[in-house]
Amino acid sequence: MLFKVGRIRVAREVLECDAIEVSDLVAAFGRYIKGDWGKLDPAAQVRNDVALASGEPIRAVYESVEGREFWITTAVGTTTVRLPHAPAEAACPSHTRCTQAGR
């Protein structure tokens, strides 16, 4: 492990999302703690690498087998797994379930 993840929190919307399996989360977390930042662009990956030394927040982007994007972030002693929030859509509200990629 390259850094301390602290307390781990998984957002309810991720747990309720039918397009994200526990195996997706476990695989992504394994990559995350080894410094594999997933689908980030090269500049963001460099910022994360610098953040390892400076203690700044770290963010990574992964995709489930079914194509649903989710984020893992670490800041101030807490690592959080959540869905990205686009202004025009709600991220996996429990009444709609998250069955399609990008929804």
Foldseek 3Di string as FASTA:
>chain_A
DLAQAAAEEEDPLQVQAPQADVVQVVVVVVCVVVLNQAPDDPVLSVVQVVCSVVVAKHKGWHAHPQAAIWMWIGHDRHIYIGHDDDPVDDRRDNVVHNDHHPD
